[in-house]
C-alpha atoms as a PDB file:
ATOM      1  CA  MET A   1      -4.247   1.262  13.901  1.00  0.00           C
ATOM      2  CA  VAL A   2      -4.804   1.955  10.215  1.00  0.00           C
ATOM      3  CA  LEU A   3      -4.763  -0.355   7.232  1.00  0.00           C
ATOM      4  CA  LEU A   4      -4.405   1.853   4.171  1.00  0.00           C
ATOM      5  CA  GLU A   5      -4.587   0.400   0.682  1.00  0.00           C
ATOM      6  CA  PHE A   6      -3.481   2.602  -2.162  1.00  0.00           C
ATOM      7  CA  SER A   7      -2.414   2.616  -5.749  1.00  0.00           C
ATOM      8  CA  ILE A   8      -0.654   5.436  -7.527  1.00  0.00           C
ATOM      9  CA  SER A   9       0.213   5.666 -11.188  1.00  0.00           C
ATOM     10  CA  PRO A  10       1.225   8.178 -13.798  1.00  0.00           C
ATOM     11  CA  THR A  11      -1.261   9.001 -16.513  1.00  0.00           C
ATOM     12  CA  GLY A  12      -0.291   9.252 -20.161  1.00  0.00           C
ATOM     13  CA  LYS A  13       3.050   7.422 -20.002  1.00  0.00           C
ATOM     14  CA  GLY A  14       2.114   4.332 -21.999  1.00  0.00           C
ATOM     15  CA  GLU A  15       1.586   0.726 -20.976  1.00  0.00           C
ATOM     16  CA  SER A  16       4.844  -0.197 -19.236  1.00  0.00           C
ATOM     17  CA  LEU A  17       5.048   1.376 -15.790  1.00  0.00           C
ATOM     18  CA  SER A  18       7.623  -0.955 -14.194  1.00  0.00           C
ATOM     19  CA  GLU A  19      10.180   1.809 -13.600  1.00  0.00           C
ATOM     20  CA  ASP A  20       7.572   3.985 -11.867  1.00  0.00           C
ATOM     21  CA  VAL A  21       6.286   1.088  -9.765  1.00  0.00           C
ATOM     22  CA  ALA A  22       9.856   0.234  -8.724  1.00  0.00           C
ATOM     23  CA  ALA A  23      10.517   3.847  -7.662  1.00  0.00           C
ATOM     24  CA  ILE A  24       7.354   3.906  -5.533  1.00  0.00           C
ATOM     25  CA  LEU A  25       8.092   0.529  -3.954  1.00  0.00           C
ATOM     26  CA  ASN A  26      11.552   1.773  -3.054  1.00  0.00           C
ATOM     27  CA  VAL A  27       9.964   4.689  -1.160  1.00  0.00           C
ATOM     28  CA  ILE A  28       7.574   2.298   0.612  1.00  0.00           C
ATOM     29  CA  ASP A  29      10.258  -0.248   1.471  1.00  0.00           C
ATOM     30  CA  ASN A  30      12.621   2.436   2.804  1.00  0.00           C
ATOM     31  CA  SER A  31       9.862   3.859   5.031  1.00  0.00           C
ATOM     32  CA  GLY A  32      10.028   0.964   7.494  1.00  0.00           C
ATOM     33  CA  VAL A  33       6.213   0.793   7.599  1.00  0.00           C
ATOM     34  CA  PRO A  34       4.837  -2.769   7.351  1.00  0.00           C
ATOM     35  CA  TYR A  35       3.331  -3.324   3.900  1.00  0.00           C
ATOM     36  CA  GLN A  36       1.938  -5.954   1.598  1.00  0.00           C
ATOM     37  CA  LEU A  37       2.224  -5.624  -2.163  1.00  0.00           C
ATOM     38  CA  THR A  38      -0.768  -6.848  -4.174  1.00  0.00           C
ATOM     39  CA  PRO A  39      -1.320  -6.946  -7.936  1.00  0.00           C
ATOM     40  CA  MET A  40      -3.640  -3.923  -7.694  1.00  0.00           C
ATOM     41  CA  GLY A  41      -1.908  -1.805  -5.049  1.00  0.00           C
ATOM     42  CA  THR A  42      -0.134  -1.813  -1.721  1.00  0.00           C
ATOM     43  CA  ILE A  43      -1.457  -2.131   1.833  1.00  0.00           C
ATOM     44  CA  LEU A  44       0.289  -0.199   4.599  1.00  0.00           C
ATOM     45  CA  GLU A  45      -0.198  -0.774   8.326  1.00  0.00           C
ATOM     46  CA  GLY A  46       0.510   1.763  11.067  1.00  0.00           C
ATOM     47  CA  GLU A  47      -0.673   4.915  12.746  1.00  0.00           C
ATOM     48  CA  TRP A  48      -2.448   7.473  10.557  1.00  0.00           C
ATOM     49  CA  GLU A  49       0.431   9.950  10.505  1.00  0.00           C
ATOM     50  CA  GLU A  50       3.003   7.375   9.426  1.00  0.00           C
ATOM     51  CA  VAL A  51       0.952   5.695   6.683  1.00  0.00           C
ATOM     52  CA  ILE A  52      -0.286   8.973   5.201  1.00  0.00           C
ATOM     53  CA  SER A  53       3.313  10.224   5.281  1.00  0.00           C
ATOM     54  CA  VAL A  54       4.366   7.248   3.144  1.00  0.00           C
ATOM     55  CA  VAL A  55       1.571   8.009   0.667  1.00  0.00           C
ATOM     56  CA  THR A  56       2.662  11.669   0.587  1.00  0.00           C
ATOM     57  CA  ASN A  57       6.266  10.660  -0.083  1.00  0.00           C
ATOM     58  CA  CYS A  58       5.097   8.351  -2.877  1.00  0.00           C
ATOM     59  CA  PHE A  59       3.063  11.191  -4.367  1.00  0.00           C
ATOM     60  CA  HIS A  60       6.113  13.479  -4.353  1.00  0.00           C
ATOM     61  CA  GLU A  61       8.221  10.762  -6.008  1.00  0.00           C
ATOM     62  CA  MET A  62       5.589  10.288  -8.714  1.00  0.00           C
ATOM     63  CA  GLU A  63       5.306  14.065  -9.124  1.00  0.00           C
ATOM     64  CA  LYS A  64       8.957  14.053 -10.271  1.00  0.00           C
ATOM     65  CA  ARG A  65       8.143  11.397 -12.863  1.00  0.00           C
ATOM     66  CA  ALA A  66       4.785  12.458 -14.331  1.00  0.00           C
ATOM     67  CA  ASN A  67       2.694  15.493 -15.186  1.00  0.00           C
ATOM     68  CA  ARG A  68      -0.535  13.727 -14.219  1.00  0.00           C
ATOM     69  CA  ILE A  69      -1.108  11.216 -11.406  1.00  0.00           C
ATOM     70  CA  GLY A  70      -3.948   8.891 -10.440  1.00  0.00           C
ATOM     71  CA  LEU A  71      -4.156   8.006  -6.728  1.00  0.00           C
ATOM     72  CA  HIS A  72      -6.697   5.709  -5.066  1.00  0.00           C
ATOM     73  CA  LEU A  73      -6.946   5.286  -1.272  1.00  0.00           C
ATOM     74  CA  LYS A  74      -8.963   2.986   0.952  1.00  0.00           C
ATOM     75  CA  VAL A  75      -8.644   3.153   4.747  1.00  0.00           C
ATOM     76  CA  ASP A  76      -9.750   0.884   7.589  1.00  0.00           C
ATOM     77  CA  TYR A  77      -9.176   2.213  11.115  1.00  0.00           C
ATOM     78  CA  ARG A  78      -9.581   0.125  14.239  1.00  0.00           C
ATOM     79  CA  LYS A  79      -8.713   1.504  17.655  1.00  0.00           C
ATOM     80  CA  GLY A  80      -6.035  -0.403  19.519  1.00  0.00           C
ATOM     81  CA  GLU A  81      -5.548  -3.222  17.015  1.00  0.00           C
ATOM     82  CA  ASN A  82      -2.191  -3.948  15.428  1.00  0.00           C
ATOM     83  CA  SER A  83      -0.714  -6.625  13.169  1.00  0.00           C
ATOM     84  CA  ARG A  84      -3.968  -6.785  11.230  1.00  0.00           C
ATOM     85  CA  LEU A  85      -2.084  -6.996   7.951  1.00  0.00           C
ATOM     86  CA  LYS A  86      -1.525 -10.720   8.576  1.00  0.00           C
ATOM     87  CA  SER A  87      -3.990 -11.507  11.337  1.00  0.00           C
ATOM     88  CA  LYS A  88      -7.076 -10.743   9.220  1.00  0.00           C
ATOM     89  CA  MET A  89      -6.038 -13.394   6.694  1.00  0.00           C
ATOM     90  CA  ALA A  90      -5.028 -15.837   9.441  1.00  0.00           C
ATOM     91  CA  LYS A  91      -8.442 -15.519  11.101  1.00  0.00           C
ATOM     92  CA  VAL A  92     -10.277 -16.349   7.867  1.00  0.00           C
ATOM     93  CA  GLU A  93      -7.923 -19.281   7.217  1.00  0.00           C
ATOM     94  CA  ASN A  94      -8.598 -20.550  10.732  1.00  0.00           C
ATOM     95  CA  ILE A  95     -12.361 -20.403  10.147  1.00  0.00           C
ATOM     96  CA  LEU A  96     -11.972 -22.260   6.839  1.00  0.00           C
ATOM     97  CA  GLY A  97      -9.502 -24.747   8.286  1.00  0.00           C
ATOM     98  CA  LYS A  98      -7.062 -24.273   5.421  1.00  0.00           C
ATOM     99  CA  GLU A  99      -4.386 -21.944   4.114  1.00  0.00           C
ATOM    100  CA  LEU A 100      -5.503 -19.658   1.317  1.00  0.00           C
ATOM    101  CA  ASN A 101      -3.556 -18.817  -1.836  1.00  0.00           C
ATOM    102  CA  LYS A 102      -1.564 -15.635  -1.109  1.00  0.00           C
END
């Protein structure tokens, strides 16, 4: 199972990127892949082929919107594990004995 964190953004379009972010989140949400939005990117959870397909679809959406794109990826693979998107946080909260700010 893969956790893939990525951020994608157009370059040279000014400061407000809300429309671009909304278009990308629509692609992610419509994919059906479990995800978690963070202030600095999005985390996807699934098999390699499905999560990289979502990133590819996001790239193609951004390609329609911008002449230059910045894309950052970070991947954590663990054989046989699933539901790590939530369970990793839950495990740390259990160790601490309290719920963390999410």
